[in-house]
Every structure is written in C-alpha cells, then in structure tokens.
C-alpha atoms as a PDB file:
ATOM      1  CA  MET A   1      -3.783  45.681  26.939  1.00  0.00           C
ATOM      2  CA  VAL A   2      -0.047  45.576  26.537  1.00  0.00           C
ATOM      3  CA  SER A   3       1.149  44.384  23.206  1.00  0.00           C
ATOM      4  CA  SER A   4       3.432  41.196  23.214  1.00  0.00           C
ATOM      5  CA  GLY A   5       6.016  43.360  21.415  1.00  0.00           C
ATOM      6  CA  TRP A   6       6.478  45.450  24.375  1.00  0.00           C
ATOM      7  CA  CYS A   7       6.952  42.390  26.583  1.00  0.00           C
ATOM      8  CA  PHE A   8       9.615  41.109  24.131  1.00  0.00           C
ATOM      9  CA  LEU A   9      11.232  44.320  24.103  1.00  0.00           C
ATOM     10  CA  ALA A  10      11.693  44.507  28.007  1.00  0.00           C
ATOM     11  CA  ALA A  11      13.007  40.950  28.265  1.00  0.00           C
ATOM     12  CA  MET A  12      15.455  41.858  25.347  1.00  0.00           C
ATOM     13  CA  ILE A  13      17.042  44.640  27.244  1.00  0.00           C
ATOM     14  CA  LEU A  14      17.511  42.424  30.139  1.00  0.00           C
ATOM     15  CA  ALA A  15      18.927  39.419  28.354  1.00  0.00           C
ATOM     16  CA  TYR A  16      21.590  41.771  26.304  1.00  0.00           C
ATOM     17  CA  GLY A  17      22.550  43.501  29.488  1.00  0.00           C
ATOM     18  CA  VAL A  18      23.545  40.183  31.077  1.00  0.00           C
ATOM     19  CA  ALA A  19      25.172  39.015  27.951  1.00  0.00           C
ATOM     20  CA  ASN A  20      27.428  41.956  27.613  1.00  0.00           C
ATOM     21  CA  LEU A  21      28.566  41.541  31.205  1.00  0.00           C
ATOM     22  CA  LEU A  22      29.515  37.690  30.898  1.00  0.00           C
ATOM     23  CA  GLN A  23      31.173  38.196  27.622  1.00  0.00           C
ATOM     24  CA  SER A  24      33.103  41.057  28.640  1.00  0.00           C
ATOM     25  CA  ALA A  25      34.329  39.001  31.720  1.00  0.00           C
ATOM     26  CA  ALA A  26      35.291  36.179  29.263  1.00  0.00           C
ATOM     27  CA  ALA A  27      36.973  38.413  26.826  1.00  0.00           C
ATOM     28  CA  ALA A  28      39.109  39.933  29.606  1.00  0.00           C
ATOM     29  CA  ARG A  29      40.651  36.497  30.242  1.00  0.00           C
ATOM     30  CA  THR A  30      41.667  35.559  26.725  1.00  0.00           C
ATOM     31  CA  THR A  31      44.815  36.557  24.987  1.00  0.00           C
ATOM     32  CA  VAL A  32      44.361  39.631  22.819  1.00  0.00           C
ATOM     33  CA  HIS A  33      44.026  39.008  19.217  1.00  0.00           C
ATOM     34  CA  HIS A  34      45.750  41.228  16.776  1.00  0.00           C
ATOM     35  CA  THR A  35      44.226  39.812  13.642  1.00  0.00           C
ATOM     36  CA  PHE A  36      40.802  39.337  12.176  1.00  0.00           C
ATOM     37  CA  ASP A  37      40.821  35.721  13.075  1.00  0.00           C
ATOM     38  CA  PRO A  38      37.624  33.713  13.881  1.00  0.00           C
ATOM     39  CA  SER A  39      39.586  31.410  15.960  1.00  0.00           C
ATOM     40  CA  LEU A  40      38.876  33.879  18.849  1.00  0.00           C
ATOM     41  CA  LEU A  41      35.294  32.820  18.968  1.00  0.00           C
ATOM     42  CA  VAL A  42      36.534  29.207  19.241  1.00  0.00           C
ATOM     43  CA  ARG A  43      38.778  30.018  22.130  1.00  0.00           C
ATOM     44  CA  LEU A  44      36.163  32.006  23.909  1.00  0.00           C
ATOM     45  CA  ALA A  45      33.743  29.343  23.443  1.00  0.00           C
ATOM     46  CA  GLY A  46      36.040  27.142  25.717  1.00  0.00           C
ATOM     47  CA  GLN A  47      34.972  29.430  28.719  1.00  0.00           C
ATOM     48  CA  ARG A  48      31.740  28.723  30.523  1.00  0.00           C
ATOM     49  CA  THR A  49      31.275  32.303  31.141  1.00  0.00           C
ATOM     50  CA  TYR A  50      31.331  33.106  27.508  1.00  0.00           C
ATOM     51  CA  LEU A  51      28.914  30.287  26.757  1.00  0.00           C
ATOM     52  CA  LEU A  52      26.594  31.484  29.222  1.00  0.00           C
ATOM     53  CA  GLY A  53      26.748  35.019  27.962  1.00  0.00           C
ATOM     54  CA  LEU A  54      26.392  33.705  24.320  1.00  0.00           C
ATOM     55  CA  GLY A  55      23.245  32.064  25.565  1.00  0.00           C
ATOM     56  CA  CYS A  56      21.914  35.400  26.968  1.00  0.00           C
ATOM     57  CA  GLN A  57      22.758  37.049  23.634  1.00  0.00           C
ATOM     58  CA  VAL A  58      21.040  34.443  21.598  1.00  0.00           C
ATOM     59  CA  LEU A  59      17.917  34.727  23.837  1.00  0.00           C
ATOM     60  CA  GLY A  60      18.142  38.672  23.540  1.00  0.00           C
ATOM     61  CA  PHE A  61      18.345  38.079  19.684  1.00  0.00           C
ATOM     62  CA  VAL A  62      15.319  35.922  19.476  1.00  0.00           C
ATOM     63  CA  LEU A  63      13.361  38.556  21.768  1.00  0.00           C
ATOM     64  CA  ALA A  64      14.515  41.168  19.553  1.00  0.00           C
ATOM     65  CA  PHE A  65      13.481  39.344  16.354  1.00  0.00           C
ATOM     66  CA  LEU A  66       9.928  38.854  18.164  1.00  0.00           C
ATOM     67  CA  ALA A  67       9.594  42.446  18.988  1.00  0.00           C
ATOM     68  CA  ARG A  68      10.543  43.427  15.301  1.00  0.00           C
ATOM     69  CA  GLU A  69       7.446  41.902  14.177  1.00  0.00           C
ATOM     70  CA  GLU A  70       5.361  44.615  15.538  1.00  0.00           C
ATOM     71  CA  LEU A  71       7.652  47.464  16.604  1.00  0.00           C
ATOM     72  CA  PRO A  72       9.653  49.858  14.481  1.00  0.00           C
ATOM     73  CA  LEU A  73      13.395  49.460  14.161  1.00  0.00           C
ATOM     74  CA  PHE A  74      14.295  52.889  15.413  1.00  0.00           C
ATOM     75  CA  LEU A  75      12.718  51.717  18.855  1.00  0.00           C
ATOM     76  CA  VAL A  76      14.187  48.217  18.983  1.00  0.00           C
ATOM     77  CA  GLN A  77      17.699  49.071  17.920  1.00  0.00           C
ATOM     78  CA  ALA A  78      17.972  52.029  20.356  1.00  0.00           C
ATOM     79  CA  SER A  79      16.454  49.978  23.097  1.00  0.00           C
ATOM     80  CA  VAL A  80      19.243  47.571  22.585  1.00  0.00           C
ATOM     81  CA  ALA A  81      21.472  50.263  24.036  1.00  0.00           C
ATOM     82  CA  ALA A  82      19.245  50.230  27.293  1.00  0.00           C
ATOM     83  CA  GLY A  83      21.157  46.932  28.066  1.00  0.00           C
ATOM     84  CA  LEU A  84      24.266  48.892  28.535  1.00  0.00           C
ATOM     85  CA  GLY A  85      22.574  50.341  31.719  1.00  0.00           C
ATOM     86  CA  VAL A  86      21.779  46.810  32.996  1.00  0.00           C
ATOM     87  CA  THR A  87      25.317  45.832  32.186  1.00  0.00           C
ATOM     88  CA  ALA A  88      26.744  48.839  34.152  1.00  0.00           C
ATOM     89  CA  VAL A  89      24.573  48.212  37.318  1.00  0.00           C
ATOM     90  CA  LEU A  90      25.334  44.431  37.308  1.00  0.00           C
ATOM     91  CA  GLY A  91      29.233  45.384  36.756  1.00  0.00           C
ATOM     92  CA  VAL A  92      29.164  47.699  39.893  1.00  0.00           C
ATOM     93  CA  LEU A  93      27.350  45.240  41.913  1.00  0.00           C
ATOM     94  CA  LEU A  94      28.896  41.974  40.952  1.00  0.00           C
ATOM     95  CA  LEU A  95      32.363  42.990  39.473  1.00  0.00           C
ATOM     96  CA  LYS A  96      33.175  46.144  41.584  1.00  0.00           C
ATOM     97  CA  TRP A  97      33.533  48.312  38.391  1.00  0.00           C
ATOM     98  CA  SER A  98      33.834  52.032  38.979  1.00  0.00           C
ATOM     99  CA  LEU A  99      31.825  54.294  36.902  1.00  0.00           C
ATOM    100  CA  PRO A 100      32.781  57.990  36.685  1.00  0.00           C
ATOM    101  CA  ALA A 101      30.071  60.523  37.395  1.00  0.00           C
ATOM    102  CA  ALA A 102      29.906  61.559  33.794  1.00  0.00           C
ATOM    103  CA  GLU A 103      29.257  57.955  32.739  1.00  0.00           C
ATOM    104  CA  ILE A 104      26.430  57.693  35.333  1.00  0.00           C
ATOM    105  CA  VAL A 105      24.855  60.848  34.082  1.00  0.00           C
ATOM    106  CA  LEU A 106      24.979  59.673  30.501  1.00  0.00           C
ATOM    107  CA  LEU A 107      23.446  56.415  31.426  1.00  0.00           C
ATOM    108  CA  VAL A 108      20.431  58.165  32.858  1.00  0.00           C
ATOM    109  CA  LEU A 109      20.230  60.450  29.765  1.00  0.00           C
ATOM    110  CA  LEU A 110      20.262  57.162  27.649  1.00  0.00           C
ATOM    111  CA  MET A 111      17.198  55.751  29.745  1.00  0.00           C
ATOM    112  CA  VAL A 112      15.344  59.142  29.153  1.00  0.00           C
ATOM    113  CA  GLY A 113      15.829  58.921  25.510  1.00  0.00           C
ATOM    114  CA  ILE A 114      14.800  55.455  25.266  1.00  0.00           C
ATOM    115  CA  ALA A 115      11.627  56.350  27.301  1.00  0.00           C
ATOM    116  CA  ALA A 116      10.695  59.035  24.704  1.00  0.00           C
ATOM    117  CA  LEU A 117      11.212  56.540  21.778  1.00  0.00           C
ATOM    118  CA  VAL A 118       8.753  54.017  23.555  1.00  0.00           C
ATOM    119  CA  LYS A 119       6.143  56.884  23.885  1.00  0.00           C
ATOM    120  CA  SER A 120       6.246  57.816  20.380  1.00  0.00           C
ATOM    121  CA  ALA A 121       6.631  54.514  18.497  1.00  0.00           C
ATOM    122  CA  GLN A 122       3.556  53.002  16.807  1.00  0.00           C
ATOM    123  CA  PRO A 123       3.639  49.061  16.169  1.00  0.00           C
ATOM    124  CA  ALA A 124       2.985  48.238  12.399  1.00  0.00           C
ATOM    125  CA  VAL A 125       3.864  45.179  10.261  1.00  0.00           C
ATOM    126  CA  ALA A 126       7.014  45.550   8.123  1.00  0.00           C
ATOM    127  CA  ARG A 127       7.010  45.930   4.318  1.00  0.00           C
ATOM    128  CA  PRO A 128       9.057  43.310   2.262  1.00  0.00           C
ATOM    129  CA  LEU A 129      12.455  44.239   0.962  1.00  0.00           C
ATOM    130  CA  GLY A 130      13.398  44.066  -2.672  1.00  0.00           C
ATOM    131  CA  ALA A 131      16.362  42.477  -4.484  1.00  0.00           C
ATOM    132  CA  ALA A 132      18.149  45.923  -4.489  1.00  0.00           C
ATOM    133  CA  ALA A 133      18.055  46.025  -0.661  1.00  0.00           C
ATOM    134  CA  ILE A 134      19.295  42.378  -0.452  1.00  0.00           C
ATOM    135  CA  ALA A 135      22.006  43.194  -2.662  1.00  0.00           C
ATOM    136  CA  GLY A 136      22.914  46.259  -0.492  1.00  0.00           C
ATOM    137  CA  LEU A 137      23.069  44.064   2.630  1.00  0.00           C
ATOM    138  CA  THR A 138      25.345  41.584   0.797  1.00  0.00           C
ATOM    139  CA  LEU A 139      27.602  44.423  -0.165  1.00  0.00           C
ATOM    140  CA  ALA A 140      27.642  45.876   3.370  1.00  0.00           C
ATOM    141  CA  LEU A 141      28.747  42.371   4.578  1.00  0.00           C
ATOM    142  CA  LEU A 142      31.898  42.447   2.474  1.00  0.00           C
ATOM    143  CA  LEU A 143      32.590  46.044   3.334  1.00  0.00           C
ATOM    144  CA  ILE A 144      32.249  45.411   7.145  1.00  0.00           C
ATOM    145  CA  GLY A 145      34.540  42.380   6.839  1.00  0.00           C
ATOM    146  CA  GLY A 146      37.263  44.248   4.761  1.00  0.00           C
ATOM    147  CA  LEU A 147      37.292  47.167   7.250  1.00  0.00           C
ATOM    148  CA  GLY A 148      37.536  44.726  10.198  1.00  0.00           C
ATOM    149  CA  ILE A 149      40.674  43.229   8.823  1.00  0.00           C
ATOM    150  CA  PHE A 150      42.506  46.942   9.169  1.00  0.00           C
ATOM    151  CA  ALA A 151      40.553  47.970  12.462  1.00  0.00           C
ATOM    152  CA  VAL A 152      41.864  45.035  14.466  1.00  0.00           C
ATOM    153  CA  ARG A 153      45.445  46.443  14.560  1.00  0.00           C
ATOM    154  CA  LEU A 154      43.986  49.352  16.614  1.00  0.00           C
ATOM    155  CA  GLN A 155      44.576  49.018  20.475  1.00  0.00           C
ATOM    156  CA  GLY A 156      43.060  50.569  23.666  1.00  0.00           C
ATOM    157  CA  ALA A 157      39.983  52.863  23.885  1.00  0.00           C
ATOM    158  CA  LEU A 158      40.191  53.616  19.926  1.00  0.00           C
ATOM    159  CA  GLY A 159      40.348  49.967  19.176  1.00  0.00           C
ATOM    160  CA  SER A 160      37.170  49.388  21.408  1.00  0.00           C
ATOM    161  CA  VAL A 161      35.343  52.105  19.639  1.00  0.00           C
ATOM    162  CA  VAL A 162      36.173  51.355  16.050  1.00  0.00           C
ATOM    163  CA  LEU A 163      35.560  47.684  16.313  1.00  0.00           C
ATOM    164  CA  GLY A 164      32.513  48.101  18.214  1.00  0.00           C
ATOM    165  CA  SER A 165      31.351  50.545  15.745  1.00  0.00           C
ATOM    166  CA  LEU A 166      31.768  48.051  12.771  1.00  0.00           C
ATOM    167  CA  ALA A 167      30.085  45.339  15.115  1.00  0.00           C
ATOM    168  CA  GLY A 168      27.335  47.651  15.459  1.00  0.00           C
ATOM    169  CA  VAL A 169      26.814  48.198  11.596  1.00  0.00           C
ATOM    170  CA  GLY A 170      26.962  44.462  11.298  1.00  0.00           C
ATOM    171  CA  PHE A 171      24.121  43.812  13.895  1.00  0.00           C
ATOM    172  CA  SER A 172      22.211  46.721  12.420  1.00  0.00           C
ATOM    173  CA  ALA A 173      22.427  44.911   8.839  1.00  0.00           C
ATOM    174  CA  ALA A 174      21.011  41.797  10.747  1.00  0.00           C
ATOM    175  CA  ALA A 175      18.374  43.797  12.249  1.00  0.00           C
ATOM    176  CA  ILE A 176      17.259  45.147   8.803  1.00  0.00           C
ATOM    177  CA  ALA A 177      17.183  41.798   7.546  1.00  0.00           C
ATOM    178  CA  ALA A 178      15.132  40.328  10.515  1.00  0.00           C
ATOM    179  CA  ARG A 179      12.262  43.028  10.449  1.00  0.00           C
ATOM    180  CA  PRO A 180      10.628  41.672   7.194  1.00  0.00           C
ATOM    181  CA  LEU A 181      11.839  38.238   7.968  1.00  0.00           C
ATOM    182  CA  ALA A 182       9.862  38.248  11.371  1.00  0.00           C
ATOM    183  CA  ASN A 183       6.529  38.418   9.206  1.00  0.00           C
ATOM    184  CA  GLU A 184       7.282  35.190   7.242  1.00  0.00           C
ATOM    185  CA  HIS A 185       4.977  32.567   8.849  1.00  0.00           C
ATOM    186  CA  THR A 186       5.621  29.445   6.692  1.00  0.00           C
ATOM    187  CA  VAL A 187       8.487  27.179   7.296  1.00  0.00           C
ATOM    188  CA  THR A 188       9.355  26.934   3.603  1.00  0.00           C
ATOM    189  CA  GLY A 189       9.260  30.703   2.934  1.00  0.00           C
ATOM    190  CA  PHE A 190      11.393  31.133   6.211  1.00  0.00           C
ATOM    191  CA  PHE A 191      14.217  28.937   5.068  1.00  0.00           C
ATOM    192  CA  ALA A 192      14.115  29.942   1.511  1.00  0.00           C
ATOM    193  CA  ASN A 193      14.379  33.686   2.259  1.00  0.00           C
ATOM    194  CA  PRO A 194      17.838  35.075   1.495  1.00  0.00           C
ATOM    195  CA  LEU A 195      17.356  37.368   4.423  1.00  0.00           C
ATOM    196  CA  LEU A 196      17.827  34.518   6.777  1.00  0.00           C
ATOM    197  CA  TYR A 197      21.331  33.586   5.587  1.00  0.00           C
ATOM    198  CA  LEU A 198      22.271  37.384   5.600  1.00  0.00           C
ATOM    199  CA  LEU A 199      20.836  37.661   9.074  1.00  0.00           C
ATOM    200  CA  VAL A 200      23.018  34.631  10.318  1.00  0.00           C
ATOM    201  CA  VAL A 201      26.189  35.834   8.647  1.00  0.00           C
ATOM    202  CA  HIS A 202      26.067  39.465   9.604  1.00  0.00           C
ATOM    203  CA  SER A 203      25.448  38.436  13.324  1.00  0.00           C
ATOM    204  CA  LEU A 204      28.466  35.935  13.375  1.00  0.00           C
ATOM    205  CA  VAL A 205      30.645  38.852  11.766  1.00  0.00           C
ATOM    206  CA  GLY A 206      29.185  41.317  14.373  1.00  0.00           C
ATOM    207  CA  GLN A 207      29.691  38.758  17.149  1.00  0.00           C
ATOM    208  CA  LEU A 208      33.518  38.464  16.242  1.00  0.00           C
ATOM    209  CA  LEU A 209      33.951  42.117  15.976  1.00  0.00           C
ATOM    210  CA  LEU A 210      32.350  42.801  19.271  1.00  0.00           C
ATOM    211  CA  GLY A 211      34.652  40.083  21.038  1.00  0.00           C
ATOM    212  CA  LEU A 212      37.784  41.938  19.564  1.00  0.00           C
ATOM    213  CA  ALA A 213      36.401  45.330  20.801  1.00  0.00           C
ATOM    214  CA  MET A 214      35.681  44.004  24.326  1.00  0.00           C
ATOM    215  CA  GLN A 215      39.498  42.677  24.508  1.00  0.00           C
ATOM    216  CA  ARG A 216      40.556  46.148  24.036  1.00  0.00           C
ATOM    217  CA  GLY A 217      39.741  47.103  27.687  1.00  0.00           C
ATOM    218  CA  SER A 218      36.371  49.044  28.081  1.00  0.00           C
ATOM    219  CA  THR A 219      33.149  46.994  27.808  1.00  0.00           C
ATOM    220  CA  THR A 220      31.326  50.382  28.008  1.00  0.00           C
ATOM    221  CA  ALA A 221      33.045  51.917  25.071  1.00  0.00           C
ATOM    222  CA  ALA A 222      32.815  49.057  22.973  1.00  0.00           C
ATOM    223  CA  VAL A 223      28.990  48.384  23.558  1.00  0.00           C
ATOM    224  CA  ALA A 224      28.086  51.976  23.364  1.00  0.00           C
ATOM    225  CA  ALA A 225      29.997  52.400  20.119  1.00  0.00           C
ATOM    226  CA  MET A 226      28.201  49.426  18.870  1.00  0.00           C
ATOM    227  CA  ASP A 227      24.646  50.569  19.737  1.00  0.00           C
ATOM    228  CA  ALA A 228      25.419  54.008  18.377  1.00  0.00           C
ATOM    229  CA  ALA A 229      26.733  52.639  14.871  1.00  0.00           C
ATOM    230  CA  GLY A 230      23.826  50.164  14.849  1.00  0.00           C
ATOM    231  CA  ALA A 231      20.801  52.528  15.569  1.00  0.00           C
ATOM    232  CA  VAL A 232      21.149  55.113  12.811  1.00  0.00           C
ATOM    233  CA  PRO A 233      21.243  52.792   9.652  1.00  0.00           C
ATOM    234  CA  ALA A 234      18.376  50.756  11.019  1.00  0.00           C
ATOM    235  CA  ALA A 235      16.411  53.699  11.849  1.00  0.00           C
ATOM    236  CA  ILE A 236      16.749  55.328   8.442  1.00  0.00           C
ATOM    237  CA  VAL A 237      16.007  52.148   6.522  1.00  0.00           C
ATOM    238  CA  GLY A 238      13.141  51.323   8.723  1.00  0.00           C
ATOM    239  CA  LEU A 239      11.424  54.796   8.268  1.00  0.00           C
ATOM    240  CA  LEU A 240      12.145  54.896   4.462  1.00  0.00           C
ATOM    241  CA  LEU A 241      11.577  51.287   3.224  1.00  0.00           C
ATOM    242  CA  LEU A 242      10.095  49.154   5.897  1.00  0.00           C
ATOM    243  CA  GLY A 243       7.032  51.144   6.785  1.00  0.00           C
ATOM    244  CA  ASP A 244       8.012  52.036  10.292  1.00  0.00           C
ATOM    245  CA  ARG A 245       5.616  54.426  12.073  1.00  0.00           C
ATOM    246  CA  ILE A 246       5.643  57.097  14.603  1.00  0.00           C
ATOM    247  CA  GLU A 247       2.565  58.127  16.709  1.00  0.00           C
ATOM    248  CA  PRO A 248       0.675  61.165  14.870  1.00  0.00           C
ATOM    249  CA  GLY A 249       1.729  64.321  16.638  1.00  0.00           C
ATOM    250  CA  LYS A 250       4.480  62.803  18.403  1.00  0.00           C
ATOM    251  CA  GLU A 251       7.156  63.086  15.691  1.00  0.00           C
ATOM    252  CA  TRP A 252       8.969  65.911  17.767  1.00  0.00           C
ATOM    253  CA  LEU A 253       9.058  63.422  20.850  1.00  0.00           C
ATOM    254  CA  ALA A 254      10.620  60.560  18.499  1.00  0.00           C
ATOM    255  CA  GLY A 255      13.218  63.113  17.307  1.00  0.00           C
ATOM    256  CA  VAL A 256      14.256  64.364  20.649  1.00  0.00           C
ATOM    257  CA  GLY A 257      14.194  60.718  22.213  1.00  0.00           C
ATOM    258  CA  PHE A 258      16.503  59.393  19.081  1.00  0.00           C
ATOM    259  CA  VAL A 259      18.919  62.328  19.295  1.00  0.00           C
ATOM    260  CA  VAL A 260      19.331  62.089  23.290  1.00  0.00           C
ATOM    261  CA  THR A 261      19.754  58.451  23.052  1.00  0.00           C
ATOM    262  CA  LEU A 262      22.430  58.555  20.145  1.00  0.00           C
ATOM    263  CA  ALA A 263      24.220  61.665  21.955  1.00  0.00           C
ATOM    264  CA  SER A 264      24.409  59.688  25.249  1.00  0.00           C
ATOM    265  CA  VAL A 265      25.708  56.462  23.661  1.00  0.00           C
ATOM    266  CA  ILE A 266      28.375  58.528  21.634  1.00  0.00           C
ATOM    267  CA  ALA A 267      29.415  60.425  24.689  1.00  0.00           C
ATOM    268  CA  LEU A 268      29.725  57.109  26.566  1.00  0.00           C
ATOM    269  CA  THR A 269      32.538  56.099  24.007  1.00  0.00           C
ATOM    270  CA  ARG A 270      34.318  59.140  25.022  1.00  0.00           C
ATOM    271  CA  TYR A 271      34.037  59.071  28.718  1.00  0.00           C
ATOM    272  CA  ALA A 272      34.114  55.250  29.442  1.00  0.00           C
ATOM    273  CA  GLU A 273      36.882  54.000  31.446  1.00  0.00           C
ATOM    274  CA  PRO A 274      38.341  50.473  31.100  1.00  0.00           C
ATOM    275  CA  GLN A 275      36.524  48.052  33.507  1.00  0.00           C
ATOM    276  CA  HIS A 276      39.410  45.446  32.994  1.00  0.00           C
ATOM    277  CA  HIS A 277      42.981  45.502  31.822  1.00  0.00           C
ATOM    278  CA  GLN A 278      44.671  42.794  29.599  1.00  0.00           C
ATOM    279  CA  ALA A 279      47.829  41.434  30.884  1.00  0.00           C
ATOM    280  CA  PRO A 280      50.570  42.649  28.524  1.00  0.00           C
ATOM    281  CA  ALA A 281      51.929  40.142  26.305  1.00  0.00           C
ATOM    282  CA  ALA A 282      55.164  38.475  27.197  1.00  0.00           C
ATOM    283  CA  PRO A 283      57.907  39.945  25.336  1.00  0.00           C
ATOM    284  CA  PRO A 284      59.608  37.779  22.811  1.00  0.00           C
ATOM    285  CA  PRO A 285      62.613  35.567  24.036  1.00  0.00           C
ATOM    286  CA  THR A 286      65.867  37.304  23.399  1.00  0.00           C
ATOM    287  CA  ARG A 287      68.519  35.065  21.862  1.00  0.00           C
ATOM    288  CA  ARG A 288      71.535  34.820  24.300  1.00  0.00           C
ATOM    289  CA  PRO A 289      74.754  35.749  22.612  1.00  0.00           C
ATOM    290  CA  GLU A 290      76.848  32.863  22.014  1.00  0.00           C
ATOM    291  CA  PRO A 291      80.165  32.632  23.874  1.00  0.00           C
ATOM    292  CA  ALA A 292      83.231  33.881  22.017  1.00  0.00           C
ATOM    293  CA  PRO A 293      85.496  31.071  21.018  1.00  0.00           C
ATOM    294  CA  LEU A 294      88.375  30.502  23.404  1.00  0.00           C
ATOM    295  CA  ARG A 295      91.688  31.886  22.110  1.00  0.00           C
ATOM    296  CA  THR A 296      94.666  29.571  22.742  1.00  0.00           C
ATOM    297  CA  ALA A 297      98.292  30.995  22.777  1.00  0.00           C
ATOM    298  CA  PRO A 298     100.397  30.042  19.979  1.00  0.00           C
ATOM    299  CA  THR A 299     102.689  27.371  20.655  1.00  0.00           C
ATOM    300  CA  SER A 300     106.281  27.086  19.405  1.00  0.00           C
ATOM    301  CA  ARG A 301     107.716  23.994  17.685  1.00  0.00           C
END
C-alpha cells in the first residue's frame, strides 16, 4: 500500500506550483517595494489573485506538514522544487511565458533528481529537537530579517536570487520546526510547543521575502533560489538531528538525486529569464523654475 505521506507529497507539489503562478502574477501588478516593509503583504492581500495563490500556498504548507510526519526533510524540501515545474507548465499554457531551451532541460533534470530522492527515501518518525536547536532557530530568524533589510535594495535578477535565497532559508527553518512538531498529537502539547510559533514567524518572514523577490522580475529565478537555499539546511539538520533515513544500499542514489536536484535549481537561477516586467517608477516631478521678476525701466523725476 502507498503511505499517506506519499499522497500528501504529490498533492503538495501541485498546490505549490499553482501558488507560485498566482502569487507571481499578483506581485507583477504591485508597485515595487525598495524597503523591507511588511505593508507589501497588505497591498498584495488586496488582490484576489494573490489571495487565491496564498490559499494554495497554505494548502501546500499543510500538506507538507502532514508529509513530514513520515517522510524525511531532504525529500520533502527537495520536492517543493518540483512545484517549479508545475508553475512553468501552467505559465506557458495560461500566461504565454516563453521558456528558453536551457530552462526546459534544467526542469527535466530537476524532475529526475526528485524521482531519485523518492526512490531512496525511507519513512520514519522524527526525533524531538532540544533547547539548543530551538535557540538556533530563533537566532536564524533574527539573522534572516537583518539580511533582508539590506538585500531589499537589490534590483533585477540579482535581487530575485538573493531575496529568494533568504526566503528559502526562512522556509527551511520553518520546515525544521515542523518535522518534530508534526508528531505532537495532543492539542495542549501542540500549542505549548515553541516550535509552533517559530514555524509561524519564519513562514511569515519567508512569505514577505518571496513577494519582494518575485517583484524583481523572474518568478523562476526567485522560486529556484528559494528552493535551493531551503533544501540544504533542512537536509543536513534532518539527517543529523531528526533521524531522517535513507533506504539501506541506496545512499548513492540519494546523493546523486540531491546533487542533481540542487544543481538544476541553482542553474535555473542563472538561466531563468524574466516572465514579467515591472513598469518603471515615475520620475519625481521636477520643480518648474520660477519666472524671473520683471525689470522696469528707471523713471526720471
């Protein structure tokens, strides 16, 4: 029988793919923000398209949360990148995006890498995180926010990649908090667990950074950078601290799959082309020079 975790994983990929597309379309219609300002989320929330995308992302988040109860983090976080393939296909079909040949090849390689990870992953229950790990997640939140204040000044593809990477680290920290939290089956224990609140705050910061990254022009670059930056920390922490497992004898397949997935996602940040372009901001109004005072001819008395 197919474990429920695999079903949650497949549905998560589809939900995240639709969410990326809708949020990208909404971000393209919103004035570019040049500061790390949470009011961007408020402005985006005024668009029905963004709210639909946010609903799909929340659904994907819940499905990922449920999948993490059984499946290792290296698989779930890498599979989030598969949503990028769904986004690309929908963008071509619905929004007439044009994908360069290199981007298509990289998306195919991405799916091959994900397939290798699926084949090598072994479901297991996560171990709990200690106080030191919780303190580390708190420190990571402060660091991500501080770097975001400076990164928001970057524009174009570089801005998409840097802001997307910071969003990925934030979502990775949220995933690390979610893995042991998913095994908390009492209401009291769930809401008393500090991991719940770290999960929520990291997700909100990641959502803000992703919105800022998508405004810079390339959805593919923003989401690919997010997925690449989010996969590595979660995989390391999962294997070292949370008890994630690989099928015996398939360690090589997991390694190849992870490297191919990560390399494809990183390369997508290099070859991705903007799918939408922000209208340039209107230049500040220039002050018209005041007319010179009229000179009158001297009069004689």
